[in-house]
N, C-alpha and C. Protein backbone atom coordinates (compact mmCIF):
# COMPACT_ATOMS: atom_id res chain seq x y z
N MET A 1 135.81 -11.09 128.69
CA MET A 1 136.41 -10.17 127.73
C MET A 1 137.72 -9.66 128.34
N TYR A 2 138.80 -9.77 127.59
CA TYR A 2 140.12 -9.43 128.10
C TYR A 2 140.49 -7.97 127.95
N ALA A 3 139.81 -7.24 127.08
CA ALA A 3 140.09 -5.81 126.88
C ALA A 3 138.77 -5.05 126.85
N THR A 4 138.81 -3.84 127.37
CA THR A 4 137.62 -3.00 127.42
C THR A 4 137.67 -1.95 126.31
N ILE A 5 136.56 -1.26 126.14
CA ILE A 5 136.53 -0.16 125.18
C ILE A 5 137.54 0.91 125.58
N ASP A 6 137.70 1.14 126.89
CA ASP A 6 138.70 2.11 127.37
C ASP A 6 140.11 1.68 126.96
N ASP A 7 140.42 0.39 127.06
CA ASP A 7 141.73 -0.12 126.62
C ASP A 7 141.90 0.14 125.12
N TYR A 8 140.85 -0.13 124.38
CA TYR A 8 140.87 0.02 122.92
C TYR A 8 141.19 1.47 122.53
N ILE A 9 140.52 2.40 123.17
CA ILE A 9 140.73 3.82 122.87
C ILE A 9 142.10 4.27 123.37
N ARG A 10 142.50 3.80 124.56
CA ARG A 10 143.80 4.17 125.13
C ARG A 10 144.95 3.74 124.22
N LEU A 11 144.78 2.63 123.52
CA LEU A 11 145.82 2.13 122.62
C LEU A 11 145.80 2.83 121.26
N GLY A 12 144.91 3.80 121.09
CA GLY A 12 144.92 4.63 119.88
C GLY A 12 143.94 4.24 118.80
N TYR A 13 143.05 3.31 119.09
CA TYR A 13 142.05 2.90 118.10
C TYR A 13 140.80 3.75 118.25
N GLU A 14 140.06 3.90 117.16
CA GLU A 14 138.79 4.62 117.20
C GLU A 14 137.65 3.62 117.28
N GLU A 15 136.57 4.01 117.96
CA GLU A 15 135.43 3.10 118.13
C GLU A 15 134.89 2.64 116.77
N LEU A 16 134.34 1.44 116.76
CA LEU A 16 133.90 0.78 115.53
C LEU A 16 132.39 0.85 115.36
N GLU A 17 131.89 2.00 115.01
CA GLU A 17 130.46 2.17 114.70
C GLU A 17 129.55 1.50 115.73
N ASP A 18 129.73 1.78 116.98
CA ASP A 18 128.91 1.21 118.06
C ASP A 18 129.01 -0.31 118.16
N LYS A 19 130.00 -0.91 117.53
CA LYS A 19 130.16 -2.37 117.59
C LYS A 19 131.48 -2.75 118.23
N THR A 20 132.13 -1.80 118.88
CA THR A 20 133.44 -2.07 119.47
C THR A 20 133.38 -3.22 120.46
N GLU A 21 132.38 -3.21 121.34
CA GLU A 21 132.29 -4.25 122.36
C GLU A 21 132.08 -5.63 121.74
N VAL A 22 131.28 -5.69 120.69
CA VAL A 22 131.05 -6.97 120.00
C VAL A 22 132.36 -7.50 119.42
N TYR A 23 133.12 -6.63 118.78
CA TYR A 23 134.39 -7.04 118.19
C TYR A 23 135.40 -7.43 119.26
N LEU A 24 135.40 -6.72 120.40
CA LEU A 24 136.31 -7.06 121.49
C LEU A 24 135.97 -8.41 122.11
N GLU A 25 134.68 -8.70 122.26
CA GLU A 25 134.27 -10.00 122.80
C GLU A 25 134.68 -11.14 121.86
N ARG A 26 134.43 -10.95 120.58
CA ARG A 26 134.80 -11.97 119.60
C ARG A 26 136.32 -12.13 119.56
N ALA A 27 137.03 -11.02 119.58
CA ALA A 27 138.50 -11.07 119.56
C ALA A 27 139.03 -11.78 120.80
N SER A 28 138.42 -11.56 121.95
CA SER A 28 138.86 -12.23 123.18
C SER A 28 138.73 -13.74 123.04
N ARG A 29 137.60 -14.20 122.52
CA ARG A 29 137.41 -15.64 122.32
C ARG A 29 138.43 -16.20 121.33
N GLN A 30 138.66 -15.46 120.25
CA GLN A 30 139.58 -15.95 119.23
C GLN A 30 141.03 -15.93 119.71
N ILE A 31 141.39 -14.94 120.51
CA ILE A 31 142.74 -14.88 121.07
C ILE A 31 142.96 -16.07 122.00
N ASN A 32 141.96 -16.42 122.79
CA ASN A 32 142.07 -17.60 123.65
C ASN A 32 142.23 -18.86 122.81
N THR A 33 141.52 -18.95 121.69
CA THR A 33 141.66 -20.09 120.78
C THR A 33 143.07 -20.16 120.20
N ILE A 34 143.59 -19.02 119.77
CA ILE A 34 144.95 -18.98 119.22
C ILE A 34 145.96 -19.48 120.26
N CYS A 35 145.71 -19.16 121.52
CA CYS A 35 146.60 -19.55 122.63
C CYS A 35 146.26 -20.92 123.19
N PHE A 36 145.59 -21.76 122.41
CA PHE A 36 145.27 -23.13 122.80
C PHE A 36 144.41 -23.21 124.06
N GLY A 37 143.58 -22.19 124.31
CA GLY A 37 142.69 -22.18 125.47
C GLY A 37 143.40 -21.94 126.79
N ARG A 38 144.65 -21.52 126.74
CA ARG A 38 145.43 -21.36 127.97
C ARG A 38 145.04 -20.15 128.79
N ILE A 39 144.50 -19.12 128.17
CA ILE A 39 144.10 -17.94 128.93
C ILE A 39 142.96 -18.31 129.86
N GLU A 40 141.95 -18.98 129.32
CA GLU A 40 140.84 -19.45 130.16
C GLU A 40 141.31 -20.52 131.13
N GLY A 41 142.18 -21.39 130.66
CA GLY A 41 142.66 -22.48 131.50
C GLY A 41 143.41 -22.00 132.73
N CYS A 42 144.27 -21.01 132.53
CA CYS A 42 145.05 -20.45 133.65
C CYS A 42 144.24 -19.43 134.43
N GLY A 43 143.32 -18.77 133.75
CA GLY A 43 142.59 -17.65 134.35
C GLY A 43 143.34 -16.36 134.05
N PHE A 44 142.68 -15.43 133.39
CA PHE A 44 143.32 -14.18 132.98
C PHE A 44 143.94 -13.47 134.18
N ASP A 45 143.24 -13.44 135.30
CA ASP A 45 143.73 -12.74 136.49
C ASP A 45 144.95 -13.42 137.10
N ASN A 46 145.20 -14.67 136.78
CA ASN A 46 146.37 -15.39 137.31
C ASN A 46 147.62 -15.18 136.47
N LEU A 47 147.48 -14.55 135.31
CA LEU A 47 148.64 -14.25 134.47
C LEU A 47 149.37 -13.04 135.04
N THR A 48 150.62 -12.86 134.62
CA THR A 48 151.38 -11.69 135.09
C THR A 48 150.80 -10.43 134.46
N LYS A 49 151.10 -9.30 135.06
CA LYS A 49 150.64 -8.01 134.50
C LYS A 49 151.18 -7.82 133.09
N TYR A 50 152.41 -8.26 132.87
CA TYR A 50 153.02 -8.15 131.55
C TYR A 50 152.22 -8.97 130.53
N GLN A 51 151.89 -10.22 130.87
CA GLN A 51 151.10 -11.06 129.97
C GLN A 51 149.72 -10.46 129.74
N GLN A 52 149.09 -9.96 130.80
CA GLN A 52 147.77 -9.34 130.66
C GLN A 52 147.83 -8.15 129.72
N GLY A 53 148.87 -7.33 129.84
CA GLY A 53 149.02 -6.17 128.96
C GLY A 53 149.17 -6.55 127.50
N LEU A 54 149.99 -7.57 127.25
CA LEU A 54 150.17 -8.04 125.87
C LEU A 54 148.88 -8.63 125.31
N ILE A 55 148.15 -9.35 126.14
CA ILE A 55 146.88 -9.94 125.69
C ILE A 55 145.87 -8.84 125.39
N LYS A 56 145.78 -7.83 126.24
CA LYS A 56 144.86 -6.71 125.97
C LYS A 56 145.21 -6.04 124.65
N GLU A 57 146.50 -5.81 124.43
CA GLU A 57 146.93 -5.18 123.19
C GLU A 57 146.62 -6.08 121.98
N ALA A 58 146.83 -7.38 122.13
CA ALA A 58 146.54 -8.33 121.05
C ALA A 58 145.05 -8.37 120.75
N VAL A 59 144.22 -8.35 121.78
CA VAL A 59 142.76 -8.37 121.59
C VAL A 59 142.32 -7.13 120.83
N CYS A 60 142.83 -5.97 121.22
CA CYS A 60 142.45 -4.72 120.55
C CYS A 60 142.92 -4.72 119.10
N SER A 61 144.13 -5.17 118.87
CA SER A 61 144.66 -5.22 117.51
C SER A 61 143.88 -6.22 116.66
N HIS A 62 143.52 -7.36 117.24
CA HIS A 62 142.75 -8.37 116.50
C HIS A 62 141.33 -7.87 116.21
N ALA A 63 140.74 -7.14 117.15
CA ALA A 63 139.41 -6.57 116.92
C ALA A 63 139.45 -5.60 115.74
N GLU A 64 140.47 -4.76 115.71
CA GLU A 64 140.63 -3.80 114.60
C GLU A 64 140.84 -4.55 113.28
N PHE A 65 141.70 -5.56 113.29
CA PHE A 65 141.96 -6.38 112.11
C PHE A 65 140.67 -7.04 111.62
N SER A 66 139.90 -7.60 112.54
CA SER A 66 138.64 -8.27 112.19
C SER A 66 137.64 -7.30 111.58
N TYR A 67 137.62 -6.08 112.10
CA TYR A 67 136.71 -5.07 111.57
C TYR A 67 137.13 -4.65 110.16
N ILE A 68 138.41 -4.39 109.97
CA ILE A 68 138.90 -3.92 108.67
C ILE A 68 138.70 -4.98 107.58
N TYR A 69 138.97 -6.24 107.92
CA TYR A 69 138.92 -7.31 106.92
C TYR A 69 137.68 -8.19 107.03
N LYS A 70 136.64 -7.68 107.68
CA LYS A 70 135.44 -8.49 107.93
C LYS A 70 134.82 -9.07 106.66
N ASP A 71 134.90 -8.36 105.55
CA ASP A 71 134.30 -8.84 104.31
C ASP A 71 135.11 -9.95 103.64
N TYR A 72 136.37 -10.12 104.05
CA TYR A 72 137.25 -11.08 103.39
C TYR A 72 137.59 -12.29 104.26
N LEU A 73 137.44 -12.17 105.58
CA LEU A 73 137.88 -13.23 106.48
C LEU A 73 137.09 -14.53 106.33
N SER A 74 135.84 -14.43 105.95
CA SER A 74 135.03 -15.65 105.85
C SER A 74 135.01 -16.24 104.44
N THR A 75 135.68 -15.62 103.52
CA THR A 75 135.70 -16.13 102.16
C THR A 75 136.70 -17.27 102.03
N PRO A 76 136.34 -18.32 101.30
CA PRO A 76 137.26 -19.44 101.12
C PRO A 76 138.34 -19.15 100.07
N VAL A 77 138.23 -18.02 99.38
CA VAL A 77 139.16 -17.68 98.32
C VAL A 77 140.42 -17.05 98.92
N ALA A 78 141.59 -17.59 98.59
CA ALA A 78 142.85 -17.05 99.09
C ALA A 78 143.42 -16.00 98.14
N SER A 79 143.04 -16.09 96.86
CA SER A 79 143.50 -15.10 95.89
C SER A 79 142.61 -15.17 94.66
N PHE A 80 142.63 -14.11 93.88
CA PHE A 80 141.91 -14.12 92.62
C PHE A 80 142.54 -13.11 91.69
N SER A 81 142.26 -13.26 90.40
CA SER A 81 142.78 -12.32 89.43
C SER A 81 141.76 -12.07 88.34
N VAL A 82 141.78 -10.87 87.84
CA VAL A 82 140.92 -10.45 86.74
C VAL A 82 141.81 -9.70 85.76
N SER A 83 141.89 -10.20 84.57
CA SER A 83 142.74 -9.62 83.55
C SER A 83 144.19 -9.57 84.06
N LYS A 84 144.76 -8.38 84.19
CA LYS A 84 146.14 -8.25 84.66
C LYS A 84 146.23 -7.88 86.14
N THR A 85 145.10 -7.85 86.82
CA THR A 85 145.08 -7.49 88.24
C THR A 85 144.84 -8.73 89.08
N SER A 86 145.67 -8.91 90.10
CA SER A 86 145.46 -10.05 90.99
C SER A 86 145.59 -9.61 92.45
N ILE A 87 144.85 -10.29 93.30
CA ILE A 87 144.87 -10.01 94.73
C ILE A 87 145.15 -11.32 95.46
N ASN A 88 146.13 -11.28 96.36
CA ASN A 88 146.49 -12.45 97.15
C ASN A 88 146.31 -12.10 98.62
N PHE A 89 145.36 -12.74 99.29
CA PHE A 89 145.09 -12.45 100.69
C PHE A 89 146.08 -13.14 101.63
N GLY A 90 146.86 -14.06 101.13
CA GLY A 90 147.82 -14.78 101.96
C GLY A 90 148.85 -13.88 102.61
N ASP A 91 149.11 -12.72 102.01
CA ASP A 91 150.07 -11.79 102.57
C ASP A 91 149.45 -10.88 103.63
N VAL A 92 148.14 -10.89 103.75
CA VAL A 92 147.44 -9.99 104.67
C VAL A 92 147.33 -10.60 106.06
N TRP A 93 147.11 -11.90 106.15
CA TRP A 93 146.91 -12.51 107.46
C TRP A 93 147.62 -13.85 107.58
N ASP A 94 147.76 -14.27 108.83
CA ASP A 94 148.26 -15.61 109.16
C ASP A 94 147.11 -16.36 109.81
N THR A 95 147.15 -17.68 109.78
CA THR A 95 146.12 -18.49 110.41
C THR A 95 146.75 -19.38 111.47
N LEU A 96 146.24 -19.27 112.69
CA LEU A 96 146.68 -20.12 113.79
C LEU A 96 145.46 -20.73 114.45
N ASN A 97 145.46 -22.03 114.60
CA ASN A 97 144.33 -22.75 115.22
C ASN A 97 143.00 -22.39 114.56
N GLY A 98 143.03 -22.15 113.25
CA GLY A 98 141.82 -21.85 112.50
C GLY A 98 141.37 -20.41 112.56
N VAL A 99 142.13 -19.55 113.23
CA VAL A 99 141.77 -18.14 113.36
C VAL A 99 142.71 -17.31 112.50
N LYS A 100 142.13 -16.50 111.62
CA LYS A 100 142.92 -15.61 110.77
C LYS A 100 143.20 -14.33 111.56
N THR A 101 144.46 -13.93 111.61
CA THR A 101 144.84 -12.73 112.35
C THR A 101 146.08 -12.12 111.72
N SER A 102 146.51 -11.00 112.25
CA SER A 102 147.68 -10.30 111.70
C SER A 102 148.96 -10.81 112.35
N SER A 103 150.07 -10.58 111.68
CA SER A 103 151.37 -10.97 112.24
C SER A 103 151.67 -10.16 113.50
N GLN A 104 151.14 -8.95 113.59
CA GLN A 104 151.33 -8.12 114.79
C GLN A 104 150.71 -8.81 116.01
N VAL A 105 149.51 -9.34 115.86
CA VAL A 105 148.84 -10.04 116.96
C VAL A 105 149.65 -11.26 117.37
N ILE A 106 150.13 -12.01 116.41
CA ILE A 106 150.92 -13.20 116.73
C ILE A 106 152.19 -12.84 117.49
N GLU A 107 152.85 -11.77 117.07
CA GLU A 107 154.07 -11.34 117.77
C GLU A 107 153.76 -10.91 119.20
N LEU A 108 152.66 -10.22 119.41
CA LEU A 108 152.27 -9.84 120.77
C LEU A 108 152.03 -11.08 121.62
N LEU A 109 151.34 -12.06 121.07
CA LEU A 109 151.02 -13.28 121.82
C LEU A 109 152.25 -14.14 122.07
N ARG A 110 153.21 -14.11 121.16
CA ARG A 110 154.46 -14.85 121.40
C ARG A 110 155.14 -14.33 122.66
N GLY A 111 155.04 -13.04 122.89
CA GLY A 111 155.64 -12.44 124.08
C GLY A 111 155.04 -12.93 125.39
N THR A 112 153.84 -13.50 125.33
CA THR A 112 153.20 -14.00 126.55
C THR A 112 153.69 -15.39 126.92
N GLY A 113 154.26 -16.11 125.96
CA GLY A 113 154.67 -17.49 126.20
C GLY A 113 153.53 -18.49 126.05
N LEU A 114 152.35 -18.01 125.72
CA LEU A 114 151.18 -18.89 125.65
C LEU A 114 151.00 -19.56 124.28
N LEU A 115 151.86 -19.22 123.32
CA LEU A 115 151.78 -19.85 122.00
C LEU A 115 152.68 -21.06 121.86
N CYS A 116 153.50 -21.31 122.85
CA CYS A 116 154.43 -22.45 122.80
C CYS A 116 153.63 -23.75 122.75
N ARG A 117 153.88 -24.55 121.75
CA ARG A 117 153.10 -25.77 121.54
C ARG A 117 153.44 -26.88 122.54
N VAL A 118 154.55 -26.78 123.24
CA VAL A 118 154.93 -27.85 124.17
C VAL A 118 154.43 -27.61 125.59
N LEU A 119 153.83 -26.47 125.87
CA LEU A 119 153.27 -26.22 127.20
C LEU A 119 152.06 -27.10 127.40
N ARG A 120 151.78 -27.42 128.63
CA ARG A 120 150.60 -28.23 128.93
C ARG A 120 149.65 -27.46 129.79
């Protein structure tokens, strides 16, 4: 797990109904997937402090995002409309490597250099 409950609270988030640790663990796995497995491949402790900080912030932000949109993330529907009302989920999240997340998380991870597709 790349971020702790203390990191989560320090960054200004409120605990998630006694499920914060579960969401942080899931977010850590998904963040590693978004980064093409490079966090595990390099070893989190081998990254720079700057990269570690951005990853912790991304994990916390992704955990919050996953909690808020938990009812919609697993649905295959991208949009729907009823009468004159329509909802389009495409504006809410981006998908990278099969993981739906926020643009804020992607921007944080871009700062680490681990999203570059040409790295090996």
